[in-house]
Structures are given as structure tokens and as C-alpha cells.
Amino acid sequence: MALRRFRTKLEADAHFRELVKGSAAFFILRILGMAVAYTFTLVVTRTLGASSWEIFALCLTVLQITSVVGRLGLDTALLS
């Protein structure tokens, strides 16, 4: 019943169809990104070892934190 109602709304409303299509694409790309990140982690730890992964993860974390700090206020400043 609910699936039939969803399908009729999807066929009738072009904006709703576009929203569902965009959401599905985002969801699929998000899952693929997680799979690639997991595979990358697995390959790096198997080739370099756990001790090298510690250093790599620490550097990546520091880089992410500095990118967040560097972006503070820049989004608002660009809009005004």
C-alpha cells in the first residue's frame, strides 16, 4: 500500500523524483566512499604495518583539524 502510494507520487511529481534520485545517488556514493576508505586502510596496514599506520593516522588527523580551523569564518566571509 505505502509502496504503491510512493510510486504514484514519484511518477506524478517531477521535483519529488529529482529529490529521490539525488538522495539515492548521494547514498550510493557515500557507501562507495566508505568502502574505498576501508580498503585503503586495510591495504596500508597490511603493507606498512600497524606502527606506520599510527603515524599516518596521526598526520591525517592533524591535517583535518588544521583544515577545519583554517576554514573558520571563511564561508561567511566569502558570502558577504
N, C-alpha and C. Protein backbone atom coordinates (compact mmCIF):
# COMPACT_ATOMS: atom_id res chain seq x y z
N MET A 1 0.82 -1.19 0.00
CA MET A 1 0.00 0.00 0.00
C MET A 1 0.87 1.26 0.00
N ALA A 2 1.81 1.33 0.92
CA ALA A 2 2.67 2.52 1.01
C ALA A 2 3.60 2.60 -0.19
N LEU A 3 4.04 1.43 -0.67
CA LEU A 3 4.92 1.42 -1.84
C LEU A 3 4.18 1.89 -3.09
N ARG A 4 2.92 1.51 -3.21
CA ARG A 4 2.12 1.95 -4.36
C ARG A 4 1.90 3.46 -4.31
N ARG A 5 1.65 3.99 -3.11
CA ARG A 5 1.45 5.43 -2.94
C ARG A 5 2.75 6.19 -3.26
N PHE A 6 3.88 5.63 -2.83
CA PHE A 6 5.18 6.23 -3.12
C PHE A 6 5.44 6.25 -4.62
N ARG A 7 5.12 5.15 -5.28
CA ARG A 7 5.34 5.07 -6.73
C ARG A 7 4.48 6.06 -7.50
N THR A 8 3.22 6.22 -7.13
CA THR A 8 2.35 7.17 -7.83
C THR A 8 2.82 8.60 -7.60
N LYS A 9 3.27 8.89 -6.37
CA LYS A 9 3.80 10.23 -6.10
C LYS A 9 5.08 10.47 -6.89
N LEU A 10 5.91 9.44 -7.01
CA LEU A 10 7.16 9.55 -7.77
C LEU A 10 6.88 9.81 -9.24
N GLU A 11 5.87 9.16 -9.78
CA GLU A 11 5.53 9.36 -11.18
C GLU A 11 4.86 10.70 -11.43
N ALA A 12 4.13 11.21 -10.46
CA ALA A 12 3.35 12.43 -10.66
C ALA A 12 4.17 13.70 -10.43
N ASP A 13 5.08 13.68 -9.49
CA ASP A 13 5.79 14.90 -9.08
C ASP A 13 7.24 14.86 -9.56
N ALA A 14 7.58 15.74 -10.48
CA ALA A 14 8.93 15.76 -11.05
C ALA A 14 9.96 16.22 -10.01
N HIS A 15 9.58 17.14 -9.15
CA HIS A 15 10.51 17.62 -8.12
C HIS A 15 10.82 16.53 -7.09
N PHE A 16 9.79 15.79 -6.74
CA PHE A 16 9.99 14.68 -5.80
C PHE A 16 10.88 13.61 -6.43
N ARG A 17 10.69 13.34 -7.72
CA ARG A 17 11.51 12.36 -8.42
C ARG A 17 12.97 12.80 -8.44
N GLU A 18 13.19 14.10 -8.68
CA GLU A 18 14.56 14.63 -8.68
C GLU A 18 15.19 14.53 -7.29
N LEU A 19 14.40 14.79 -6.27
CA LEU A 19 14.88 14.69 -4.89
C LEU A 19 15.26 13.25 -4.55
N VAL A 20 14.43 12.31 -4.92
CA VAL A 20 14.71 10.90 -4.64
C VAL A 20 15.94 10.44 -5.41
N LYS A 21 16.05 10.86 -6.67
CA LYS A 21 17.20 10.46 -7.48
C LYS A 21 18.51 11.02 -6.91
N GLY A 22 18.49 12.27 -6.50
CA GLY A 22 19.68 12.88 -5.91
C GLY A 22 20.05 12.24 -4.58
N SER A 23 19.05 11.93 -3.78
CA SER A 23 19.30 11.28 -2.49
C SER A 23 19.88 9.89 -2.69
N ALA A 24 19.36 9.15 -3.65
CA ALA A 24 19.88 7.81 -3.92
C ALA A 24 21.32 7.87 -4.41
N ALA A 25 21.61 8.83 -5.29
CA ALA A 25 22.98 8.98 -5.79
C ALA A 25 23.93 9.33 -4.65
N PHE A 26 23.51 10.23 -3.77
CA PHE A 26 24.34 10.60 -2.62
C PHE A 26 24.59 9.41 -1.72
N PHE A 27 23.54 8.63 -1.46
CA PHE A 27 23.66 7.47 -0.60
C PHE A 27 24.63 6.44 -1.18
N ILE A 28 24.50 6.17 -2.46
CA ILE A 28 25.38 5.19 -3.12
C ILE A 28 26.82 5.67 -3.11
N LEU A 29 27.04 6.95 -3.42
CA LEU A 29 28.40 7.48 -3.40
C LEU A 29 28.99 7.49 -2.00
N ARG A 30 28.16 7.73 -1.02
CA ARG A 30 28.63 7.72 0.38
C ARG A 30 29.07 6.31 0.78
N ILE A 31 28.30 5.30 0.42
CA ILE A 31 28.65 3.92 0.72
C ILE A 31 29.91 3.51 -0.03
N LEU A 32 30.04 3.90 -1.29
CA LEU A 32 31.24 3.59 -2.05
C LEU A 32 32.47 4.27 -1.44
N GLY A 33 32.32 5.49 -0.98
CA GLY A 33 33.42 6.19 -0.33
C GLY A 33 33.87 5.49 0.94
N MET A 34 32.91 4.98 1.71
CA MET A 34 33.26 4.24 2.92
C MET A 34 33.99 2.95 2.58
N ALA A 35 33.56 2.28 1.53
CA ALA A 35 34.21 1.04 1.11
C ALA A 35 35.64 1.31 0.65
N VAL A 36 35.83 2.39 -0.11
CA VAL A 36 37.18 2.75 -0.57
C VAL A 36 38.07 3.11 0.61
N ALA A 37 37.54 3.85 1.58
CA ALA A 37 38.32 4.21 2.76
C ALA A 37 38.71 2.98 3.55
N TYR A 38 37.80 2.04 3.71
CA TYR A 38 38.10 0.81 4.43
C TYR A 38 39.17 0.01 3.69
N THR A 39 39.03 -0.10 2.38
CA THR A 39 40.02 -0.83 1.58
C THR A 39 41.39 -0.17 1.66
N PHE A 40 41.42 1.15 1.61
CA PHE A 40 42.68 1.89 1.73
C PHE A 40 43.34 1.62 3.08
N THR A 41 42.55 1.66 4.14
CA THR A 41 43.07 1.38 5.47
C THR A 41 43.62 -0.04 5.55
N LEU A 42 42.90 -0.98 5.00
CA LEU A 42 43.33 -2.37 5.01
C LEU A 42 44.64 -2.56 4.24
N VAL A 43 44.74 -1.96 3.06
CA VAL A 43 45.95 -2.09 2.24
C VAL A 43 47.14 -1.44 2.93
N VAL A 44 46.96 -0.24 3.47
CA VAL A 44 48.07 0.46 4.12
C VAL A 44 48.55 -0.30 5.34
N THR A 45 47.64 -0.80 6.16
CA THR A 45 48.07 -1.52 7.36
C THR A 45 48.73 -2.84 7.02
N ARG A 46 48.30 -3.49 5.97
CA ARG A 46 48.92 -4.76 5.59
C ARG A 46 50.29 -4.55 4.97
N THR A 47 50.47 -3.46 4.22
CA THR A 47 51.77 -3.25 3.57
C THR A 47 52.77 -2.55 4.48
N LEU A 48 52.32 -1.55 5.23
CA LEU A 48 53.24 -0.79 6.07
C LEU A 48 53.33 -1.29 7.50
N GLY A 49 52.28 -1.88 8.00
CA GLY A 49 52.26 -2.36 9.38
C GLY A 49 51.52 -1.40 10.28
N ALA A 50 51.27 -1.86 11.49
CA ALA A 50 50.47 -1.10 12.43
C ALA A 50 51.19 0.15 12.92
N SER A 51 52.49 0.07 13.12
CA SER A 51 53.23 1.23 13.63
C SER A 51 53.25 2.37 12.61
N SER A 52 53.39 2.03 11.35
CA SER A 52 53.34 3.08 10.32
C SER A 52 51.94 3.65 10.18
N TRP A 53 50.92 2.81 10.38
CA TRP A 53 49.55 3.30 10.31
C TRP A 53 49.27 4.31 11.43
N GLU A 54 49.86 4.09 12.60
CA GLU A 54 49.69 5.05 13.69
C GLU A 54 50.17 6.43 13.28
N ILE A 55 51.34 6.51 12.69
CA ILE A 55 51.90 7.79 12.27
C ILE A 55 51.06 8.41 11.17
N PHE A 56 50.63 7.60 10.21
CA PHE A 56 49.80 8.09 9.11
C PHE A 56 48.47 8.63 9.63
N ALA A 57 47.83 7.90 10.54
CA ALA A 57 46.54 8.33 11.09
C ALA A 57 46.69 9.61 11.90
N LEU A 58 47.78 9.73 12.64
CA LEU A 58 48.03 10.95 13.41
C LEU A 58 48.21 12.15 12.48
N CYS A 59 49.00 11.98 11.44
CA CYS A 59 49.20 13.07 10.47
C CYS A 59 47.89 13.45 9.78
N LEU A 60 47.10 12.47 9.43
CA LEU A 60 45.82 12.74 8.78
C LEU A 60 44.87 13.48 9.71
N THR A 61 44.87 13.12 10.99
CA THR A 61 44.02 13.80 11.97
C THR A 61 44.45 15.24 12.16
N VAL A 62 45.75 15.47 12.26
CA VAL A 62 46.26 16.84 12.41
C VAL A 62 45.90 17.66 11.18
N LEU A 63 46.03 17.09 10.01
CA LEU A 63 45.67 17.79 8.78
C LEU A 63 44.19 18.15 8.75
N GLN A 64 43.33 17.25 9.17
CA GLN A 64 41.89 17.53 9.19
C GLN A 64 41.54 18.63 10.19
N ILE A 65 42.18 18.59 11.35
CA ILE A 65 41.91 19.61 12.36
C ILE A 65 42.37 20.98 11.88
N THR A 66 43.55 21.05 11.27
CA THR A 66 44.03 22.35 10.78
C THR A 66 43.19 22.86 9.62
N SER A 67 42.64 21.97 8.81
CA SER A 67 41.77 22.43 7.73
C SER A 67 40.47 23.00 8.28
N VAL A 68 39.94 22.42 9.35
CA VAL A 68 38.73 22.96 9.98
C VAL A 68 39.02 24.31 10.60
N VAL A 69 40.13 24.42 11.31
CA VAL A 69 40.50 25.70 11.94
C VAL A 69 40.76 26.76 10.88
N GLY A 70 41.39 26.39 9.79
CA GLY A 70 41.67 27.35 8.72
C GLY A 70 40.43 27.84 8.01
N ARG A 71 39.39 27.01 8.02
CA ARG A 71 38.13 27.39 7.34
C ARG A 71 37.21 28.21 8.21
N LEU A 72 37.48 28.34 9.47
CA LEU A 72 36.57 29.04 10.37
C LEU A 72 36.33 30.47 9.90
N GLY A 73 35.10 30.78 9.66
CA GLY A 73 34.73 32.13 9.24
C GLY A 73 34.91 32.40 7.77
N LEU A 74 35.62 31.55 7.06
CA LEU A 74 35.86 31.82 5.64
C LEU A 74 34.58 31.66 4.83
N ASP A 75 33.73 30.71 5.18
CA ASP A 75 32.47 30.52 4.46
C ASP A 75 31.59 31.77 4.56
N THR A 76 31.51 32.33 5.75
CA THR A 76 30.70 33.54 5.96
C THR A 76 31.33 34.74 5.27
N ALA A 77 32.63 34.85 5.33
CA ALA A 77 33.31 35.99 4.73
C ALA A 77 33.17 35.99 3.20
N LEU A 78 33.15 34.81 2.61
CA LEU A 78 33.01 34.75 1.15
C LEU A 78 31.61 35.15 0.70
N LEU A 79 30.60 34.89 1.52
CA LEU A 79 29.24 35.22 1.15
C LEU A 79 28.94 36.73 1.30
N SER A 80 29.65 37.39 2.20
CA SER A 80 29.33 38.80 2.42
C SER A 80 30.23 39.72 1.64
